[in-house]
Amino acid sequence: MKHITRVMNISQIHEMVGLEPPLHPLISVMRNCNNKMDLNMVDKYFTTDLYMISMKGKQGGSIQYGRGHYDFQEGTLVFLAPDQIISVDTTGHGSVPEYMGDETGWTLFFHTDLFRHMGLGETIHEYHYFGYDVNEALHLSAREKETIRTIIEKIEEEYSQNIDAHSQTLIVSNLELLLNYCKRFYSRQFLTRTAQSRDLVRRFERLLDEYFTSEHHISQGVPTVKYCAGELGFSPDYLGDLLRQETGKSTIDHIHQALIERAKTRLLASSDSVSEVAYHLGFEYPQYFSKMFKAKTGMTPGAYRKGIGHK
């Protein structure tokens, strides 16, 4: 059984990597050029109470997260949310990965207490990329890197000054600006991979067709977002955002639509009761099927059968 170290705050991170105490207790930008990083973090597992955004600069390195290893390339941003488990691997000599000595890289850590009672506290869950796997990282253009660099420096500048009544608002405003630019850049990344995205939609539709044709729903129940994402080789959040970008609908919307189409066919082509139709489609509770059907079609399954059948 692997041992997992819990990192609870910014001060603990600084101590682990041999840095001076942080200038702010809830947010810190760690420059990877610091030569004091003689940390024994390599080949160990960690989980934190912190959000993390890490920029890969010029040197190489790898990090293990999710399904496997990811080889950092220049201008790559990786995002991690609290409670995710990560480990760092060596890529060269010594105990510290090369990218942690990279002069152009940095890592931003921040705690939810920084903005818990502000607007960002309500919207932080909307930045889905914190749920992406590392192999779904954000790859920046030179101009995009410059935009991100400017905001990071502004955050550093703000928390390095004497804290006053405006400090929290300004720090959080810049942090939110950073997160929104990253959302924009991910949208650009999706758009520049249009062919790949369209192929994904076709693969996803085939996956659902095969799931029902093979009658997996009878033994395994309604297909889940997690199942579909795993079969396609993506994290659930990344798959959802790719589909939403390409089709305007989420993964669960696609799954529900596939269920509705099969439900309509069975309602009209058989004498099965509504409950029997629900069970056949993989629903454990017929009430949930009826509720979903009405939400998507505007009528109950019974009303649909009666209305269409009399036309």
C-alpha atoms as a PDB file:
ATOM      1  CA  MET A   1       0.000   0.000   0.000  1.00  0.00           C
ATOM      2  CA  LYS A   2       1.515   3.309  -1.054  1.00  0.00           C
ATOM      3  CA  HIS A   3       1.953   6.082   1.501  1.00  0.00           C
ATOM      4  CA  ILE A   4       0.272   9.365   0.587  1.00  0.00           C
ATOM      5  CA  THR A   5       1.501  12.604   2.150  1.00  0.00           C
ATOM      6  CA  ARG A   6      -1.149  15.248   2.842  1.00  0.00           C
ATOM      7  CA  VAL A   7      -0.126  18.850   2.097  1.00  0.00           C
ATOM      8  CA  MET A   8      -2.558  21.158   3.877  1.00  0.00           C
ATOM      9  CA  ASN A   9      -1.291  24.693   3.313  1.00  0.00           C
ATOM     10  CA  ILE A  10       1.116  27.006   1.488  1.00  0.00           C
ATOM     11  CA  SER A  11       3.577  27.101   4.390  1.00  0.00           C
ATOM     12  CA  GLN A  12       3.953  23.325   4.281  1.00  0.00           C
ATOM     13  CA  ILE A  13       4.728  23.444   0.556  1.00  0.00           C
ATOM     14  CA  HIS A  14       7.416  26.084   1.095  1.00  0.00           C
ATOM     15  CA  GLU A  15       8.952  24.073   3.910  1.00  0.00           C
ATOM     16  CA  MET A  16       8.973  20.887   1.835  1.00  0.00           C
ATOM     17  CA  VAL A  17      10.886  22.512  -1.010  1.00  0.00           C
ATOM     18  CA  GLY A  18      13.278  24.516   1.161  1.00  0.00           C
ATOM     19  CA  LEU A  19      11.856  27.980   0.541  1.00  0.00           C
ATOM     20  CA  GLU A  20      11.461  30.859   2.946  1.00  0.00           C
ATOM     21  CA  PRO A  21       8.023  31.213   4.596  1.00  0.00           C
ATOM     22  CA  PRO A  22       5.412  32.479   2.123  1.00  0.00           C
ATOM     23  CA  LEU A  23       4.596  36.169   1.868  1.00  0.00           C
ATOM     24  CA  HIS A  24       0.901  35.330   1.813  1.00  0.00           C
ATOM     25  CA  PRO A  25      -0.654  32.381   3.693  1.00  0.00           C
ATOM     26  CA  LEU A  26      -3.151  31.453   0.980  1.00  0.00           C
ATOM     27  CA  ILE A  27      -1.384  31.988  -2.358  1.00  0.00           C
ATOM     28  CA  SER A  28       2.165  31.640  -3.635  1.00  0.00           C
ATOM     29  CA  VAL A  29       4.055  31.510  -6.922  1.00  0.00           C
ATOM     30  CA  MET A  30       7.031  29.182  -6.687  1.00  0.00           C
ATOM     31  CA  ARG A  31       9.736  29.885  -9.236  1.00  0.00           C
ATOM     32  CA  ASN A  32      11.342  26.653 -10.359  1.00  0.00           C
ATOM     33  CA  CYS A  33      14.775  28.232 -10.609  1.00  0.00           C
ATOM     34  CA  ASN A  34      15.259  28.073  -6.851  1.00  0.00           C
ATOM     35  CA  ASN A  35      18.312  25.941  -6.174  1.00  0.00           C
ATOM     36  CA  LYS A  36      17.181  25.116  -2.635  1.00  0.00           C
ATOM     37  CA  MET A  37      14.666  22.629  -3.936  1.00  0.00           C
ATOM     38  CA  ASP A  38      16.464  19.637  -2.521  1.00  0.00           C
ATOM     39  CA  LEU A  39      13.173  18.005  -1.700  1.00  0.00           C
ATOM     40  CA  ASN A  40      12.581  14.333  -1.273  1.00  0.00           C
ATOM     41  CA  MET A  41       9.344  14.469  -3.205  1.00  0.00           C
ATOM     42  CA  VAL A  42      10.473  12.248  -6.030  1.00  0.00           C
ATOM     43  CA  ASP A  43       8.719   8.906  -6.487  1.00  0.00           C
ATOM     44  CA  LYS A  44       6.372   9.680  -3.605  1.00  0.00           C
ATOM     45  CA  TYR A  45       2.648  10.349  -3.607  1.00  0.00           C
ATOM     46  CA  PHE A  46       0.967  13.557  -2.483  1.00  0.00           C
ATOM     47  CA  THR A  47      -2.458  15.037  -2.109  1.00  0.00           C
ATOM     48  CA  THR A  48      -3.191  18.619  -1.152  1.00  0.00           C
ATOM     49  CA  ASP A  49      -5.853  21.020   0.076  1.00  0.00           C
ATOM     50  CA  LEU A  50      -4.641  23.430  -2.598  1.00  0.00           C
ATOM     51  CA  TYR A  51      -5.289  24.253  -6.213  1.00  0.00           C
ATOM     52  CA  MET A  52      -2.189  24.134  -8.388  1.00  0.00           C
ATOM     53  CA  ILE A  53      -1.320  25.557 -11.800  1.00  0.00           C
ATOM     54  CA  SER A  54       2.116  24.651 -13.108  1.00  0.00           C
ATOM     55  CA  MET A  55       3.906  26.108 -16.124  1.00  0.00           C
ATOM     56  CA  LYS A  56       6.561  24.071 -17.870  1.00  0.00           C
ATOM     57  CA  GLY A  57       9.343  26.247 -19.232  1.00  0.00           C
ATOM     58  CA  LYS A  58      12.285  25.052 -21.308  1.00  0.00           C
ATOM     59  CA  GLN A  59      13.577  21.904 -19.673  1.00  0.00           C
ATOM     60  CA  GLY A  60      12.118  18.416 -19.747  1.00  0.00           C
ATOM     61  CA  GLY A  61      10.444  16.470 -17.018  1.00  0.00           C
ATOM     62  CA  SER A  62       7.530  14.189 -16.309  1.00  0.00           C
ATOM     63  CA  ILE A  63       4.756  13.974 -13.815  1.00  0.00           C
ATOM     64  CA  GLN A  64       2.505  11.026 -13.073  1.00  0.00           C
ATOM     65  CA  TYR A  65      -1.163  11.786 -12.661  1.00  0.00           C
ATOM     66  CA  GLY A  66      -4.357  10.038 -13.635  1.00  0.00           C
ATOM     67  CA  ARG A  67      -3.704   7.310 -16.184  1.00  0.00           C
ATOM     68  CA  GLY A  68       0.055   7.632 -16.451  1.00  0.00           C
ATOM     69  CA  HIS A  69       3.060   9.761 -17.236  1.00  0.00           C
ATOM     70  CA  TYR A  70       3.044  13.017 -19.105  1.00  0.00           C
ATOM     71  CA  ASP A  71       6.180  14.413 -20.722  1.00  0.00           C
ATOM     72  CA  PHE A  72       6.178  18.168 -20.294  1.00  0.00           C
ATOM     73  CA  GLN A  73       6.826  20.318 -23.327  1.00  0.00           C
ATOM     74  CA  GLU A  74       7.667  24.010 -23.389  1.00  0.00           C
ATOM     75  CA  GLY A  75       4.682  26.278 -22.776  1.00  0.00           C
ATOM     76  CA  THR A  76       2.487  23.671 -21.102  1.00  0.00           C
ATOM     77  CA  LEU A  77       0.080  24.391 -18.250  1.00  0.00           C
ATOM     78  CA  VAL A  78      -1.127  21.638 -15.942  1.00  0.00           C
ATOM     79  CA  PHE A  79      -3.985  22.100 -13.459  1.00  0.00           C
ATOM     80  CA  LEU A  80      -4.695  20.168 -10.272  1.00  0.00           C
ATOM     81  CA  ALA A  81      -7.553  20.534  -7.794  1.00  0.00           C
ATOM     82  CA  PRO A  82      -7.580  19.687  -4.075  1.00  0.00           C
ATOM     83  CA  ASP A  83      -7.608  15.994  -3.136  1.00  0.00           C
ATOM     84  CA  GLN A  84      -6.070  14.782  -6.388  1.00  0.00           C
ATOM     85  CA  ILE A  85      -3.159  12.382  -5.952  1.00  0.00           C
ATOM     86  CA  ILE A  86       0.078  13.142  -7.789  1.00  0.00           C
ATOM     87  CA  SER A  87       3.651  11.932  -7.853  1.00  0.00           C
ATOM     88  CA  VAL A  88       6.789  13.375  -9.414  1.00  0.00           C
ATOM     89  CA  ASP A  89       9.386  11.304 -11.254  1.00  0.00           C
ATOM     90  CA  THR A  90      13.030  11.948 -11.975  1.00  0.00           C
ATOM     91  CA  THR A  91      14.055  12.525 -15.564  1.00  0.00           C
ATOM     92  CA  GLY A  92      17.755  13.082 -15.040  1.00  0.00           C
ATOM     93  CA  HIS A  93      20.401  12.665 -12.362  1.00  0.00           C
ATOM     94  CA  GLY A  94      19.753  13.337  -8.695  1.00  0.00           C
ATOM     95  CA  SER A  95      16.532  13.373  -6.692  1.00  0.00           C
ATOM     96  CA  VAL A  96      14.948  16.477  -8.176  1.00  0.00           C
ATOM     97  CA  PRO A  97      13.257  16.400 -11.613  1.00  0.00           C
ATOM     98  CA  GLU A  98      14.949  18.652 -14.141  1.00  0.00           C
ATOM     99  CA  TYR A  99      11.920  20.853 -14.717  1.00  0.00           C
ATOM    100  CA  MET A 100      11.976  21.918 -11.055  1.00  0.00           C
ATOM    101  CA  GLY A 101      15.258  23.682 -11.774  1.00  0.00           C
ATOM    102  CA  ASP A 102      13.890  25.314 -14.890  1.00  0.00           C
ATOM    103  CA  GLU A 103      14.394  29.073 -14.830  1.00  0.00           C
ATOM    104  CA  THR A 104      11.315  29.844 -16.898  1.00  0.00           C
ATOM    105  CA  GLY A 105       8.834  27.568 -15.167  1.00  0.00           C
ATOM    106  CA  TRP A 106       6.673  28.306 -12.152  1.00  0.00           C
ATOM    107  CA  THR A 107       3.965  26.775 -10.001  1.00  0.00           C
ATOM    108  CA  LEU A 108       1.062  28.678  -8.493  1.00  0.00           C
ATOM    109  CA  PHE A 109      -0.584  27.304  -5.360  1.00  0.00           C
ATOM    110  CA  PHE A 110      -3.720  28.784  -3.838  1.00  0.00           C
ATOM    111  CA  HIS A 111      -6.222  27.802  -1.150  1.00  0.00           C
ATOM    112  CA  THR A 112     -10.005  28.123  -1.386  1.00  0.00           C
ATOM    113  CA  ASP A 113     -10.033  30.200   1.805  1.00  0.00           C
ATOM    114  CA  LEU A 114      -8.563  32.999  -0.336  1.00  0.00           C
ATOM    115  CA  PHE A 115     -11.892  33.494  -2.112  1.00  0.00           C
ATOM    116  CA  ARG A 116     -14.418  31.316  -0.270  1.00  0.00           C
ATOM    117  CA  HIS A 117     -16.742  34.249   0.511  1.00  0.00           C
ATOM    118  CA  MET A 118     -16.247  35.988  -2.833  1.00  0.00           C
ATOM    119  CA  GLY A 119     -17.737  35.400  -6.275  1.00  0.00           C
ATOM    120  CA  LEU A 120     -14.963  33.003  -7.261  1.00  0.00           C
ATOM    121  CA  GLY A 121     -15.974  30.764  -4.379  1.00  0.00           C
ATOM    122  CA  GLU A 122     -19.239  30.113  -6.208  1.00  0.00           C
ATOM    123  CA  THR A 123     -17.744  29.673  -9.678  1.00  0.00           C
ATOM    124  CA  ILE A 124     -14.459  27.821  -9.104  1.00  0.00           C
ATOM    125  CA  HIS A 125     -16.183  24.530  -9.995  1.00  0.00           C
ATOM    126  CA  GLU A 126     -16.928  25.907 -13.471  1.00  0.00           C
ATOM    127  CA  TYR A 127     -13.246  25.753 -14.413  1.00  0.00           C
ATOM    128  CA  HIS A 128     -13.471  22.141 -15.492  1.00  0.00           C
ATOM    129  CA  TYR A 129      -9.821  21.914 -16.501  1.00  0.00           C
ATOM    130  CA  PHE A 130      -8.877  21.333 -12.854  1.00  0.00           C
ATOM    131  CA  GLY A 131     -10.470  17.932 -13.416  1.00  0.00           C
ATOM    132  CA  TYR A 132      -8.541  17.137 -16.599  1.00  0.00           C
ATOM    133  CA  ASP A 133      -5.836  14.507 -16.656  1.00  0.00           C
ATOM    134  CA  VAL A 134      -2.285  15.693 -17.223  1.00  0.00           C
ATOM    135  CA  ASN A 135      -2.292  14.269 -20.752  1.00  0.00           C
ATOM    136  CA  GLU A 136      -5.049  16.816 -21.453  1.00  0.00           C
ATOM    137  CA  ALA A 137      -2.837  19.756 -20.496  1.00  0.00           C
ATOM    138  CA  LEU A 138      -3.080  23.226 -22.027  1.00  0.00           C
ATOM    139  CA  HIS A 139      -0.442  24.000 -24.665  1.00  0.00           C
ATOM    140  CA  LEU A 140       0.196  27.720 -25.068  1.00  0.00           C
ATOM    141  CA  SER A 141       1.334  29.806 -27.998  1.00  0.00           C
ATOM    142  CA  ALA A 142       4.062  32.403 -27.455  1.00  0.00           C
ATOM    143  CA  ARG A 143       1.486  35.189 -27.182  1.00  0.00           C
ATOM    144  CA  GLU A 144      -0.634  33.204 -24.772  1.00  0.00           C
ATOM    145  CA  LYS A 145       2.404  32.473 -22.618  1.00  0.00           C
ATOM    146  CA  GLU A 146       3.117  36.195 -22.434  1.00  0.00           C
ATOM    147  CA  THR A 147      -0.444  36.917 -21.321  1.00  0.00           C
ATOM    148  CA  ILE A 148      -0.227  34.318 -18.564  1.00  0.00           C
ATOM    149  CA  ARG A 149       3.219  35.540 -17.494  1.00  0.00           C
ATOM    150  CA  THR A 150       1.960  39.102 -17.078  1.00  0.00           C
ATOM    151  CA  ILE A 151      -0.929  38.033 -14.849  1.00  0.00           C
ATOM    152  CA  ILE A 152       1.283  35.797 -12.715  1.00  0.00           C
ATOM    153  CA  GLU A 153       3.702  38.657 -12.163  1.00  0.00           C
ATOM    154  CA  LYS A 154       0.798  40.905 -11.174  1.00  0.00           C
ATOM    155  CA  ILE A 155      -0.353  38.361  -8.600  1.00  0.00           C
ATOM    156  CA  GLU A 156       3.179  38.124  -7.222  1.00  0.00           C
ATOM    157  CA  GLU A 157       3.507  41.889  -7.087  1.00  0.00           C
ATOM    158  CA  GLU A 158       0.230  42.273  -5.232  1.00  0.00           C
ATOM    159  CA  TYR A 159       0.833  39.740  -2.464  1.00  0.00           C
ATOM    160  CA  SER A 160       4.463  40.877  -2.072  1.00  0.00           C
ATOM    161  CA  GLN A 161       3.350  44.325  -0.969  1.00  0.00           C
ATOM    162  CA  ASN A 162       2.091  45.264   2.466  1.00  0.00           C
ATOM    163  CA  ILE A 163      -1.355  43.719   2.842  1.00  0.00           C
ATOM    164  CA  ASP A 164      -4.124  46.339   2.984  1.00  0.00           C
ATOM    165  CA  ALA A 165      -7.920  46.514   2.637  1.00  0.00           C
ATOM    166  CA  HIS A 166      -7.694  46.112  -1.154  1.00  0.00           C
ATOM    167  CA  SER A 167      -5.170  43.266  -1.316  1.00  0.00           C
ATOM    168  CA  GLN A 168      -7.570  40.316  -1.276  1.00  0.00           C
ATOM    169  CA  THR A 169      -9.862  41.821  -3.896  1.00  0.00           C
ATOM    170  CA  LEU A 170      -6.984  42.614  -6.241  1.00  0.00           C
ATOM    171  CA  ILE A 171      -5.291  39.244  -5.788  1.00  0.00           C
ATOM    172  CA  VAL A 172      -8.516  37.335  -6.387  1.00  0.00           C
ATOM    173  CA  SER A 173      -9.414  39.547  -9.362  1.00  0.00           C
ATOM    174  CA  ASN A 174      -6.107  38.722 -11.013  1.00  0.00           C
ATOM    175  CA  LEU A 175      -6.481  35.054 -10.148  1.00  0.00           C
ATOM    176  CA  GLU A 176      -9.930  35.008 -11.731  1.00  0.00           C
ATOM    177  CA  LEU A 177      -8.517  36.790 -14.782  1.00  0.00           C
ATOM    178  CA  LEU A 178      -5.878  34.055 -15.050  1.00  0.00           C
ATOM    179  CA  LEU A 179      -8.496  31.310 -14.815  1.00  0.00           C
ATOM    180  CA  ASN A 180     -10.677  32.953 -17.462  1.00  0.00           C
ATOM    181  CA  TYR A 181      -7.792  33.326 -19.881  1.00  0.00           C
ATOM    182  CA  CYS A 182      -6.978  29.650 -19.385  1.00  0.00           C
ATOM    183  CA  LYS A 183     -10.605  28.824 -20.193  1.00  0.00           C
ATOM    184  CA  ARG A 184     -10.335  30.898 -23.374  1.00  0.00           C
ATOM    185  CA  PHE A 185      -7.085  29.210 -24.381  1.00  0.00           C
ATOM    186  CA  TYR A 186      -8.580  25.765 -23.841  1.00  0.00           C
ATOM    187  CA  SER A 187     -11.450  26.769 -26.143  1.00  0.00           C
ATOM    188  CA  ARG A 188      -8.861  27.740 -28.733  1.00  0.00           C
ATOM    189  CA  GLN A 189      -7.120  24.394 -28.239  1.00  0.00           C
ATOM    190  CA  PHE A 190     -10.400  22.562 -28.842  1.00  0.00           C
ATOM    191  CA  LEU A 191     -11.107  24.612 -31.970  1.00  0.00           C
ATOM    192  CA  THR A 192      -7.671  24.014 -33.458  1.00  0.00           C
ATOM    193  CA  ARG A 193      -8.272  20.303 -33.100  1.00  0.00           C
ATOM    194  CA  THR A 194     -11.600  20.348 -34.926  1.00  0.00           C
ATOM    195  CA  ALA A 195     -10.931  17.183 -36.920  1.00  0.00           C
ATOM    196  CA  GLN A 196      -9.989  15.334 -33.757  1.00  0.00           C
ATOM    197  CA  SER A 197     -13.098  16.649 -31.994  1.00  0.00           C
ATOM    198  CA  ARG A 198     -15.397  15.585 -34.813  1.00  0.00           C
ATOM    199  CA  ASP A 199     -13.824  12.153 -34.823  1.00  0.00           C
ATOM    200  CA  LEU A 200     -14.417  12.023 -31.075  1.00  0.00           C
ATOM    201  CA  VAL A 201     -18.124  12.752 -31.547  1.00  0.00           C
ATOM    202  CA  ARG A 202     -18.377   9.895 -34.052  1.00  0.00           C
ATOM    203  CA  ARG A 203     -16.479   7.553 -31.729  1.00  0.00           C
ATOM    204  CA  PHE A 204     -18.709   8.549 -28.839  1.00  0.00           C
ATOM    205  CA  GLU A 205     -21.880   7.922 -30.843  1.00  0.00           C
ATOM    206  CA  ARG A 206     -20.550   4.520 -31.932  1.00  0.00           C
ATOM    207  CA  LEU A 207     -19.697   3.710 -28.324  1.00  0.00           C
ATOM    208  CA  LEU A 208     -23.268   4.396 -27.227  1.00  0.00           C
ATOM    209  CA  ASP A 209     -24.693   2.418 -30.144  1.00  0.00           C
ATOM    210  CA  GLU A 210     -22.477  -0.562 -29.348  1.00  0.00           C
ATOM    211  CA  TYR A 211     -23.322  -0.324 -25.651  1.00  0.00           C
ATOM    212  CA  PHE A 212     -27.032  -0.696 -26.347  1.00  0.00           C
ATOM    213  CA  THR A 213     -26.669  -3.128 -29.264  1.00  0.00           C
ATOM    214  CA  SER A 214     -24.579  -5.422 -27.072  1.00  0.00           C
ATOM    215  CA  GLU A 215     -27.213  -5.019 -24.356  1.00  0.00           C
ATOM    216  CA  HIS A 216     -24.655  -3.957 -21.776  1.00  0.00           C
ATOM    217  CA  HIS A 217     -27.361  -1.707 -20.328  1.00  0.00           C
ATOM    218  CA  ILE A 218     -29.336  -4.754 -19.208  1.00  0.00           C
ATOM    219  CA  SER A 219     -26.523  -6.064 -17.029  1.00  0.00           C
ATOM    220  CA  GLN A 220     -24.571  -2.881 -16.298  1.00  0.00           C
ATOM    221  CA  GLY A 221     -27.282  -0.239 -16.244  1.00  0.00           C
ATOM    222  CA  VAL A 222     -27.431   3.130 -17.950  1.00  0.00           C
ATOM    223  CA  PRO A 223     -24.014   4.137 -19.404  1.00  0.00           C
ATOM    224  CA  THR A 224     -22.295   6.676 -17.171  1.00  0.00           C
ATOM    225  CA  VAL A 225     -20.153   9.657 -18.072  1.00  0.00           C
ATOM    226  CA  LYS A 226     -17.222   8.019 -16.294  1.00  0.00           C
ATOM    227  CA  TYR A 227     -17.612   4.818 -18.290  1.00  0.00           C
ATOM    228  CA  CYS A 228     -17.825   6.637 -21.627  1.00  0.00           C
ATOM    229  CA  ALA A 229     -14.828   8.830 -20.842  1.00  0.00           C
ATOM    230  CA  GLY A 230     -12.754   5.837 -19.798  1.00  0.00           C
ATOM    231  CA  GLU A 231     -13.609   3.903 -22.952  1.00  0.00           C
ATOM    232  CA  LEU A 232     -12.612   6.884 -25.104  1.00  0.00           C
ATOM    233  CA  GLY A 233      -9.398   7.583 -23.177  1.00  0.00           C
ATOM    234  CA  PHE A 234     -10.351  10.937 -21.642  1.00  0.00           C
ATOM    235  CA  SER A 235     -11.145  12.298 -18.221  1.00  0.00           C
ATOM    236  CA  PRO A 236     -14.889  12.938 -17.699  1.00  0.00           C
ATOM    237  CA  ASP A 237     -14.473  16.726 -17.539  1.00  0.00           C
ATOM    238  CA  TYR A 238     -12.328  16.910 -20.672  1.00  0.00           C
ATOM    239  CA  LEU A 239     -14.724  14.719 -22.637  1.00  0.00           C
ATOM    240  CA  GLY A 240     -17.633  16.896 -21.526  1.00  0.00           C
ATOM    241  CA  ASP A 241     -15.936  20.104 -22.587  1.00  0.00           C
ATOM    242  CA  LEU A 242     -14.852  18.667 -25.943  1.00  0.00           C
ATOM    243  CA  LEU A 243     -18.393  17.524 -26.708  1.00  0.00           C
ATOM    244  CA  ARG A 244     -19.881  20.807 -25.529  1.00  0.00           C
ATOM    245  CA  GLN A 245     -17.473  22.753 -27.723  1.00  0.00           C
ATOM    246  CA  GLU A 246     -18.288  20.646 -30.791  1.00  0.00           C
ATOM    247  CA  THR A 247     -22.015  19.947 -30.327  1.00  0.00           C
ATOM    248  CA  GLY A 248     -23.281  22.348 -27.656  1.00  0.00           C
ATOM    249  CA  LYS A 249     -24.352  19.397 -25.510  1.00  0.00           C
ATOM    250  CA  SER A 250     -22.716  17.762 -22.509  1.00  0.00           C
ATOM    251  CA  THR A 251     -21.851  14.081 -22.215  1.00  0.00           C
ATOM    252  CA  ILE A 252     -24.891  13.379 -20.075  1.00  0.00           C
ATOM    253  CA  ASP A 253     -27.078  15.204 -22.623  1.00  0.00           C
ATOM    254  CA  HIS A 254     -25.824  12.839 -25.337  1.00  0.00           C
ATOM    255  CA  ILE A 255     -26.422   9.796 -23.129  1.00  0.00           C
ATOM    256  CA  HIS A 256     -29.938  10.971 -22.280  1.00  0.00           C
ATOM    257  CA  GLN A 257     -30.725  11.616 -25.938  1.00  0.00           C
ATOM    258  CA  ALA A 258     -29.632   8.088 -26.852  1.00  0.00           C
ATOM    259  CA  LEU A 259     -31.835   6.720 -24.073  1.00  0.00           C
ATOM    260  CA  ILE A 260     -34.815   8.813 -25.173  1.00  0.00           C
ATOM    261  CA  GLU A 261     -34.583   7.598 -28.780  1.00  0.00           C
ATOM    262  CA  ARG A 262     -34.485   3.963 -27.670  1.00  0.00           C
ATOM    263  CA  ALA A 263     -37.278   4.550 -25.185  1.00  0.00           C
ATOM    264  CA  LYS A 264     -39.515   6.061 -27.871  1.00  0.00           C
ATOM    265  CA  THR A 265     -38.965   3.055 -30.114  1.00  0.00           C
ATOM    266  CA  ARG A 266     -39.732   0.561 -27.377  1.00  0.00           C
ATOM    267  CA  LEU A 267     -42.783   2.472 -26.152  1.00  0.00           C
ATOM    268  CA  LEU A 268     -44.312   2.341 -29.654  1.00  0.00           C
ATOM    269  CA  ALA A 269     -43.055  -1.068 -30.753  1.00  0.00           C
ATOM    270  CA  SER A 270     -43.957  -3.117 -27.688  1.00  0.00           C
ATOM    271  CA  SER A 271     -46.707  -3.512 -25.126  1.00  0.00           C
ATOM    272  CA  ASP A 272     -44.235  -3.330 -22.230  1.00  0.00           C
ATOM    273  CA  SER A 273     -45.302  -1.189 -19.300  1.00  0.00           C
ATOM    274  CA  VAL A 274     -43.421   2.035 -18.672  1.00  0.00           C
ATOM    275  CA  SER A 275     -41.617   0.339 -15.766  1.00  0.00           C
ATOM    276  CA  GLU A 276     -40.599  -2.565 -18.006  1.00  0.00           C
ATOM    277  CA  VAL A 277     -39.251  -0.139 -20.608  1.00  0.00           C
ATOM    278  CA  ALA A 278     -37.276   1.646 -17.887  1.00  0.00           C
ATOM    279  CA  TYR A 279     -35.781  -1.585 -16.557  1.00  0.00           C
ATOM    280  CA  HIS A 280     -34.944  -2.747 -20.078  1.00  0.00           C
ATOM    281  CA  LEU A 281     -32.997   0.474 -20.717  1.00  0.00           C
ATOM    282  CA  GLY A 282     -30.974  -0.038 -17.548  1.00  0.00           C
ATOM    283  CA  PHE A 283     -32.775   2.265 -15.120  1.00  0.00           C
ATOM    284  CA  GLU A 284     -32.855   1.013 -11.562  1.00  0.00           C
ATOM    285  CA  TYR A 285     -35.788   3.250 -10.698  1.00  0.00           C
ATOM    286  CA  PRO A 286     -38.628   3.725 -13.236  1.00  0.00           C
ATOM    287  CA  GLN A 287     -39.525   7.073 -11.646  1.00  0.00           C
ATOM    288  CA  TYR A 288     -36.170   8.472 -12.713  1.00  0.00           C
ATOM    289  CA  PHE A 289     -36.757   7.295 -16.266  1.00  0.00           C
ATOM    290  CA  SER A 290     -40.191   8.936 -16.368  1.00  0.00           C
ATOM    291  CA  LYS A 291     -38.817  12.174 -14.936  1.00  0.00           C
ATOM    292  CA  MET A 292     -35.985  12.283 -17.489  1.00  0.00           C
ATOM    293  CA  PHE A 293     -38.325  11.419 -20.368  1.00  0.00           C
ATOM    294  CA  LYS A 294     -40.724  14.223 -19.484  1.00  0.00           C
ATOM    295  CA  ALA A 295     -37.880  16.720 -19.017  1.00  0.00           C
ATOM    296  CA  LYS A 296     -36.518  15.914 -22.478  1.00  0.00           C
ATOM    297  CA  THR A 297     -39.771  15.509 -24.432  1.00  0.00           C
ATOM    298  CA  GLY A 298     -42.311  17.561 -22.525  1.00  0.00           C
ATOM    299  CA  MET A 299     -44.596  14.578 -21.888  1.00  0.00           C
ATOM    300  CA  THR A 300     -44.662  11.427 -19.795  1.00  0.00           C
ATOM    301  CA  PRO A 301     -43.800   8.074 -21.415  1.00  0.00           C
ATOM    302  CA  GLY A 302     -47.464   7.036 -21.151  1.00  0.00           C
ATOM    303  CA  ALA A 303     -48.679  10.244 -22.764  1.00  0.00           C
ATOM    304  CA  TYR A 304     -46.117   9.891 -25.548  1.00  0.00           C
ATOM    305  CA  ARG A 305     -47.257   6.341 -26.304  1.00  0.00           C
ATOM    306  CA  LYS A 306     -50.902   7.327 -26.283  1.00  0.00           C
ATOM    307  CA  GLY A 307     -50.425  10.511 -28.302  1.00  0.00           C
ATOM    308  CA  ILE A 308     -48.214   9.045 -31.038  1.00  0.00           C
ATOM    309  CA  GLY A 309     -50.196   5.832 -31.180  1.00  0.00           C
ATOM    310  CA  HIS A 310     -53.397   7.701 -32.027  1.00  0.00           C
ATOM    311  CA  LYS A 311     -51.906   9.798 -34.835  1.00  0.00           C
END
